[in-house]
Amino acid sequence: MSSQHPTQRPGDKKKQALAELSALVKKYPEKSRKALLQQVEIQFDLTPKECEFLDKNFQEH
């Protein structure tokens, strides 16, 4: 049995984390990308693999 919430699909946490990171970058443009990334990693309790995915796939605009 999976430890995830029954209504949460495997990729949902990463999608939510990407959306949150994007929102934080817009809200706090003065903060470093690394600091915001760490904040999201902690908030969403991401695994090292998920953190790497987020770091590689988030593009600043």
PDB file of N, CA and C in Angstrom:
ATOM      1  N   MET A   1       0.843  -1.189   0.000  1.00  0.00           N
ATOM      2  CA  MET A   1       0.000   0.000   0.000  1.00  0.00           C
ATOM      3  C   MET A   1       0.883   1.245   0.000  1.00  0.00           C
ATOM      4  N   SER A   2       0.523   2.209  -0.792  1.00  0.00           N
ATOM      5  CA  SER A   2       1.298   3.439  -0.931  1.00  0.00           C
ATOM      6  C   SER A   2       1.126   4.336   0.284  1.00  0.00           C
ATOM      7  N   SER A   3       2.180   5.088   0.617  1.00  0.00           N
ATOM      8  CA  SER A   3       2.113   5.999   1.752  1.00  0.00           C
ATOM      9  C   SER A   3       1.535   7.354   1.347  1.00  0.00           C
ATOM     10  N   GLN A   4       1.286   7.535   0.046  1.00  0.00           N
ATOM     11  CA  GLN A   4       0.726   8.802  -0.412  1.00  0.00           C
ATOM     12  C   GLN A   4      -0.754   8.867  -0.075  1.00  0.00           C
ATOM     13  N   HIS A   5      -1.267  10.063  -0.047  1.00  0.00           N
ATOM     14  CA  HIS A   5      -2.691  10.277   0.164  1.00  0.00           C
ATOM     15  C   HIS A   5      -3.431   9.592  -0.984  1.00  0.00           C
ATOM     16  N   PRO A   6      -4.544   8.893  -0.707  1.00  0.00           N
ATOM     17  CA  PRO A   6      -5.223   8.124  -1.747  1.00  0.00           C
ATOM     18  C   PRO A   6      -5.649   8.940  -2.978  1.00  0.00           C
ATOM     19  N   THR A   7      -5.945  10.208  -2.799  1.00  0.00           N
ATOM     20  CA  THR A   7      -6.392  11.016  -3.930  1.00  0.00           C
ATOM     21  C   THR A   7      -5.247  11.728  -4.636  1.00  0.00           C
ATOM     22  N   GLN A   8      -4.040  11.554  -4.156  1.00  0.00           N
ATOM     23  CA  GLN A   8      -2.888  12.234  -4.744  1.00  0.00           C
ATOM     24  C   GLN A   8      -2.142  11.278  -5.666  1.00  0.00           C
ATOM     25  N   ARG A   9      -2.036  11.660  -6.938  1.00  0.00           N
ATOM     26  CA  ARG A   9      -1.284  10.849  -7.886  1.00  0.00           C
ATOM     27  C   ARG A   9       0.201  11.134  -7.720  1.00  0.00           C
ATOM     28  N   PRO A  10       1.061  10.204  -8.164  1.00  0.00           N
ATOM     29  CA  PRO A  10       2.505  10.339  -7.952  1.00  0.00           C
ATOM     30  C   PRO A  10       3.119  11.659  -8.413  1.00  0.00           C
ATOM     31  N   GLY A  11       2.699  12.232  -9.523  1.00  0.00           N
ATOM     32  CA  GLY A  11       3.304  13.458 -10.028  1.00  0.00           C
ATOM     33  C   GLY A  11       2.726  14.740  -9.462  1.00  0.00           C
ATOM     34  N   ASP A  12       1.636  14.632  -8.702  1.00  0.00           N
ATOM     35  CA  ASP A  12       0.958  15.834  -8.211  1.00  0.00           C
ATOM     36  C   ASP A  12       1.828  16.686  -7.298  1.00  0.00           C
ATOM     37  N   LYS A  13       2.601  16.050  -6.431  1.00  0.00           N
ATOM     38  CA  LYS A  13       3.439  16.794  -5.488  1.00  0.00           C
ATOM     39  C   LYS A  13       4.467  17.638  -6.240  1.00  0.00           C
ATOM     40  N   LYS A  14       5.060  17.084  -7.285  1.00  0.00           N
ATOM     41  CA  LYS A  14       6.040  17.838  -8.081  1.00  0.00           C
ATOM     42  C   LYS A  14       5.367  19.003  -8.798  1.00  0.00           C
ATOM     43  N   LYS A  15       4.179  18.781  -9.327  1.00  0.00           N
ATOM     44  CA  LYS A  15       3.448  19.855 -10.010  1.00  0.00           C
ATOM     45  C   LYS A  15       3.113  20.979  -9.034  1.00  0.00           C
ATOM     46  N   GLN A  16       2.664  20.614  -7.850  1.00  0.00           N
ATOM     47  CA  GLN A  16       2.338  21.617  -6.828  1.00  0.00           C
ATOM     48  C   GLN A  16       3.591  22.370  -6.406  1.00  0.00           C
ATOM     49  N   ALA A  17       4.695  21.662  -6.264  1.00  0.00           N
ATOM     50  CA  ALA A  17       5.952  22.296  -5.867  1.00  0.00           C
ATOM     51  C   ALA A  17       6.430  23.261  -6.947  1.00  0.00           C
ATOM     52  N   LEU A  18       6.329  22.871  -8.222  1.00  0.00           N
ATOM     53  CA  LEU A  18       6.707  23.760  -9.321  1.00  0.00           C
ATOM     54  C   LEU A  18       5.845  25.015  -9.327  1.00  0.00           C
ATOM     55  N   ALA A  19       4.546  24.849  -9.116  1.00  0.00           N
ATOM     56  CA  ALA A  19       3.639  25.994  -9.092  1.00  0.00           C
ATOM     57  C   ALA A  19       3.974  26.930  -7.927  1.00  0.00           C
ATOM     58  N   GLU A  20       4.269  26.352  -6.773  1.00  0.00           N
ATOM     59  CA  GLU A  20       4.621  27.155  -5.599  1.00  0.00           C
ATOM     60  C   GLU A  20       5.926  27.893  -5.827  1.00  0.00           C
ATOM     61  N   LEU A  21       6.912  27.223  -6.403  1.00  0.00           N
ATOM     62  CA  LEU A  21       8.196  27.855  -6.685  1.00  0.00           C
ATOM     63  C   LEU A  21       8.013  29.024  -7.645  1.00  0.00           C
ATOM     64  N   SER A  22       7.211  28.833  -8.660  1.00  0.00           N
ATOM     65  CA  SER A  22       6.937  29.897  -9.625  1.00  0.00           C
ATOM     66  C   SER A  22       6.288  31.097  -8.940  1.00  0.00           C
ATOM     67  N   ALA A  23       5.323  30.833  -8.064  1.00  0.00           N
ATOM     68  CA  ALA A  23       4.642  31.906  -7.344  1.00  0.00           C
ATOM     69  C   ALA A  23       5.605  32.656  -6.422  1.00  0.00           C
ATOM     70  N   LEU A  24       6.470  31.918  -5.742  1.00  0.00           N
ATOM     71  CA  LEU A  24       7.427  32.544  -4.830  1.00  0.00           C
ATOM     72  C   LEU A  24       8.432  33.415  -5.573  1.00  0.00           C
ATOM     73  N   VAL A  25       8.873  32.962  -6.740  1.00  0.00           N
ATOM     74  CA  VAL A  25       9.826  33.742  -7.534  1.00  0.00           C
ATOM     75  C   VAL A  25       9.200  35.083  -7.948  1.00  0.00           C
ATOM     76  N   LYS A  26       7.923  35.044  -8.295  1.00  0.00           N
ATOM     77  CA  LYS A  26       7.217  36.281  -8.677  1.00  0.00           C
ATOM     78  C   LYS A  26       6.994  37.184  -7.463  1.00  0.00           C
ATOM     79  N   LYS A  27       6.673  36.566  -6.326  1.00  0.00           N
ATOM     80  CA  LYS A  27       6.361  37.335  -5.113  1.00  0.00           C
ATOM     81  C   LYS A  27       7.615  37.912  -4.461  1.00  0.00           C
ATOM     82  N   TYR A  28       8.724  37.176  -4.533  1.00  0.00           N
ATOM     83  CA  TYR A  28       9.963  37.589  -3.878  1.00  0.00           C
ATOM     84  C   TYR A  28      11.129  37.609  -4.873  1.00  0.00           C
ATOM     85  N   PRO A  29      11.095  38.515  -5.845  1.00  0.00           N
ATOM     86  CA  PRO A  29      12.152  38.541  -6.860  1.00  0.00           C
ATOM     87  C   PRO A  29      13.541  38.839  -6.296  1.00  0.00           C
ATOM     88  N   GLU A  30      13.592  39.429  -5.094  1.00  0.00           N
ATOM     89  CA  GLU A  30      14.885  39.775  -4.493  1.00  0.00           C
ATOM     90  C   GLU A  30      15.578  38.566  -3.855  1.00  0.00           C
ATOM     91  N   LYS A  31      14.823  37.492  -3.602  1.00  0.00           N
ATOM     92  CA  LYS A  31      15.405  36.300  -2.980  1.00  0.00           C
ATOM     93  C   LYS A  31      16.091  35.439  -4.034  1.00  0.00           C
ATOM     94  N   SER A  32      17.121  34.727  -3.617  1.00  0.00           N
ATOM     95  CA  SER A  32      17.834  33.867  -4.562  1.00  0.00           C
ATOM     96  C   SER A  32      16.970  32.663  -4.928  1.00  0.00           C
ATOM     97  N   ARG A  33      17.193  32.185  -6.127  1.00  0.00           N
ATOM     98  CA  ARG A  33      16.468  31.011  -6.614  1.00  0.00           C
ATOM     99  C   ARG A  33      16.736  29.822  -5.693  1.00  0.00           C
ATOM    100  N   LYS A  34      17.982  29.688  -5.242  1.00  0.00           N
ATOM    101  CA  LYS A  34      18.359  28.570  -4.377  1.00  0.00           C
ATOM    102  C   LYS A  34      17.591  28.606  -3.051  1.00  0.00           C
ATOM    103  N   ALA A  35      17.458  29.790  -2.460  1.00  0.00           N
ATOM    104  CA  ALA A  35      16.740  29.923  -1.189  1.00  0.00           C
ATOM    105  C   ALA A  35      15.268  29.557  -1.360  1.00  0.00           C
ATOM    106  N   LEU A  36      14.671  30.012  -2.459  1.00  0.00           N
ATOM    107  CA  LEU A  36      13.266  29.694  -2.708  1.00  0.00           C
ATOM    108  C   LEU A  36      13.082  28.212  -3.001  1.00  0.00           C
ATOM    109  N   LEU A  37      14.019  27.634  -3.714  1.00  0.00           N
ATOM    110  CA  LEU A  37      13.971  26.211  -4.017  1.00  0.00           C
ATOM    111  C   LEU A  37      14.047  25.391  -2.731  1.00  0.00           C
ATOM    112  N   GLN A  38      14.928  25.776  -1.826  1.00  0.00           N
ATOM    113  CA  GLN A  38      15.047  25.075  -0.542  1.00  0.00           C
ATOM    114  C   GLN A  38      13.749  25.194   0.266  1.00  0.00           C
ATOM    115  N   GLN A  39      13.132  26.363   0.227  1.00  0.00           N
ATOM    116  CA  GLN A  39      11.877  26.580   0.951  1.00  0.00           C
ATOM    117  C   GLN A  39      10.795  25.628   0.434  1.00  0.00           C
ATOM    118  N   VAL A  40      10.695  25.502  -0.881  1.00  0.00           N
ATOM    119  CA  VAL A  40       9.690  24.626  -1.488  1.00  0.00           C
ATOM    120  C   VAL A  40      10.006  23.158  -1.201  1.00  0.00           C
ATOM    121  N   GLU A  41      11.283  22.802  -1.239  1.00  0.00           N
ATOM    122  CA  GLU A  41      11.684  21.422  -0.957  1.00  0.00           C
ATOM    123  C   GLU A  41      11.250  21.012   0.449  1.00  0.00           C
ATOM    124  N   ILE A  42      11.406  21.901   1.396  1.00  0.00           N
ATOM    125  CA  ILE A  42      11.016  21.617   2.781  1.00  0.00           C
ATOM    126  C   ILE A  42       9.490  21.601   2.911  1.00  0.00           C
ATOM    127  N   GLN A  43       8.842  22.588   2.321  1.00  0.00           N
ATOM    128  CA  GLN A  43       7.382  22.708   2.417  1.00  0.00           C
ATOM    129  C   GLN A  43       6.674  21.462   1.887  1.00  0.00           C
ATOM    130  N   PHE A  44       7.164  20.916   0.783  1.00  0.00           N
ATOM    131  CA  PHE A  44       6.516  19.767   0.162  1.00  0.00           C
ATOM    132  C   PHE A  44       7.174  18.434   0.522  1.00  0.00           C
ATOM    133  N   ASP A  45       8.163  18.469   1.416  1.00  0.00           N
ATOM    134  CA  ASP A  45       8.849  17.261   1.879  1.00  0.00           C
ATOM    135  C   ASP A  45       9.308  16.410   0.694  1.00  0.00           C
ATOM    136  N   LEU A  46      10.053  17.049  -0.204  1.00  0.00           N
ATOM    137  CA  LEU A  46      10.490  16.386  -1.420  1.00  0.00           C
ATOM    138  C   LEU A  46      11.685  15.470  -1.167  1.00  0.00           C
ATOM    139  N   THR A  47      11.731  14.397  -1.920  1.00  0.00           N
ATOM    140  CA  THR A  47      12.865  13.482  -1.857  1.00  0.00           C
ATOM    141  C   THR A  47      14.031  14.126  -2.609  1.00  0.00           C
ATOM    142  N   PRO A  48      15.251  13.635  -2.406  1.00  0.00           N
ATOM    143  CA  PRO A  48      16.387  14.182  -3.172  1.00  0.00           C
ATOM    144  C   PRO A  48      16.164  14.111  -4.683  1.00  0.00           C
ATOM    145  N   LYS A  49      15.551  13.038  -5.147  1.00  0.00           N
ATOM    146  CA  LYS A  49      15.272  12.887  -6.578  1.00  0.00           C
ATOM    147  C   LYS A  49      14.266  13.946  -7.051  1.00  0.00           C
ATOM    148  N   GLU A  50      13.250  14.201  -6.241  1.00  0.00           N
ATOM    149  CA  GLU A  50      12.262  15.230  -6.589  1.00  0.00           C
ATOM    150  C   GLU A  50      12.900  16.617  -6.571  1.00  0.00           C
ATOM    151  N   CYS A  51      13.798  16.857  -5.630  1.00  0.00           N
ATOM    152  CA  CYS A  51      14.505  18.135  -5.555  1.00  0.00           C
ATOM    153  C   CYS A  51      15.338  18.350  -6.821  1.00  0.00           C
ATOM    154  N   GLU A  52      15.998  17.304  -7.261  1.00  0.00           N
ATOM    155  CA  GLU A  52      16.809  17.387  -8.476  1.00  0.00           C
ATOM    156  C   GLU A  52      15.922  17.678  -9.692  1.00  0.00           C
ATOM    157  N   PHE A  53      14.777  17.014  -9.761  1.00  0.00           N
ATOM    158  CA  PHE A  53      13.828  17.254 -10.845  1.00  0.00           C
ATOM    159  C   PHE A  53      13.394  18.719 -10.852  1.00  0.00           C
ATOM    160  N   LEU A  54      13.038  19.226  -9.691  1.00  0.00           N
ATOM    161  CA  LEU A  54      12.579  20.606  -9.568  1.00  0.00           C
ATOM    162  C   LEU A  54      13.672  21.581  -9.995  1.00  0.00           C
ATOM    163  N   ASP A  55      14.870  21.338  -9.548  1.00  0.00           N
ATOM    164  CA  ASP A  55      15.991  22.211  -9.885  1.00  0.00           C
ATOM    165  C   ASP A  55      16.263  22.214 -11.389  1.00  0.00           C
ATOM    166  N   LYS A  56      16.199  21.058 -12.015  1.00  0.00           N
ATOM    167  CA  LYS A  56      16.497  20.948 -13.444  1.00  0.00           C
ATOM    168  C   LYS A  56      15.366  21.460 -14.331  1.00  0.00           C
ATOM    169  N   ASN A  57      14.120  21.354 -13.855  1.00  0.00           N
ATOM    170  CA  ASN A  57      12.989  21.646 -14.715  1.00  0.00           C
ATOM    171  C   ASN A  57      12.336  22.997 -14.494  1.00  0.00           C
ATOM    172  N   PHE A  58      12.754  23.720 -13.469  1.00  0.00           N
ATOM    173  CA  PHE A  58      12.185  25.048 -13.249  1.00  0.00           C
ATOM    174  C   PHE A  58      13.020  26.080 -14.014  1.00  0.00           C
ATOM    175  N   GLN A  59      12.372  26.791 -14.899  1.00  0.00           N
ATOM    176  CA  GLN A  59      13.039  27.821 -15.690  1.00  0.00           C
ATOM    177  C   GLN A  59      12.541  29.183 -15.248  1.00  0.00           C
ATOM    178  N   GLU A  60      13.472  30.051 -14.908  1.00  0.00           N
ATOM    179  CA  GLU A  60      13.106  31.429 -14.570  1.00  0.00           C
ATOM    180  C   GLU A  60      12.796  32.175 -15.855  1.00  0.00           C
ATOM    181  N   HIS A  61      11.781  33.026 -15.791  1.00  0.00           N
ATOM    182  CA  HIS A  61      11.388  33.801 -16.985  1.00  0.00           C
ATOM    183  C   HIS A  61      11.586  35.267 -16.742  1.00  0.00           C
TER     184      HIS A  61
END
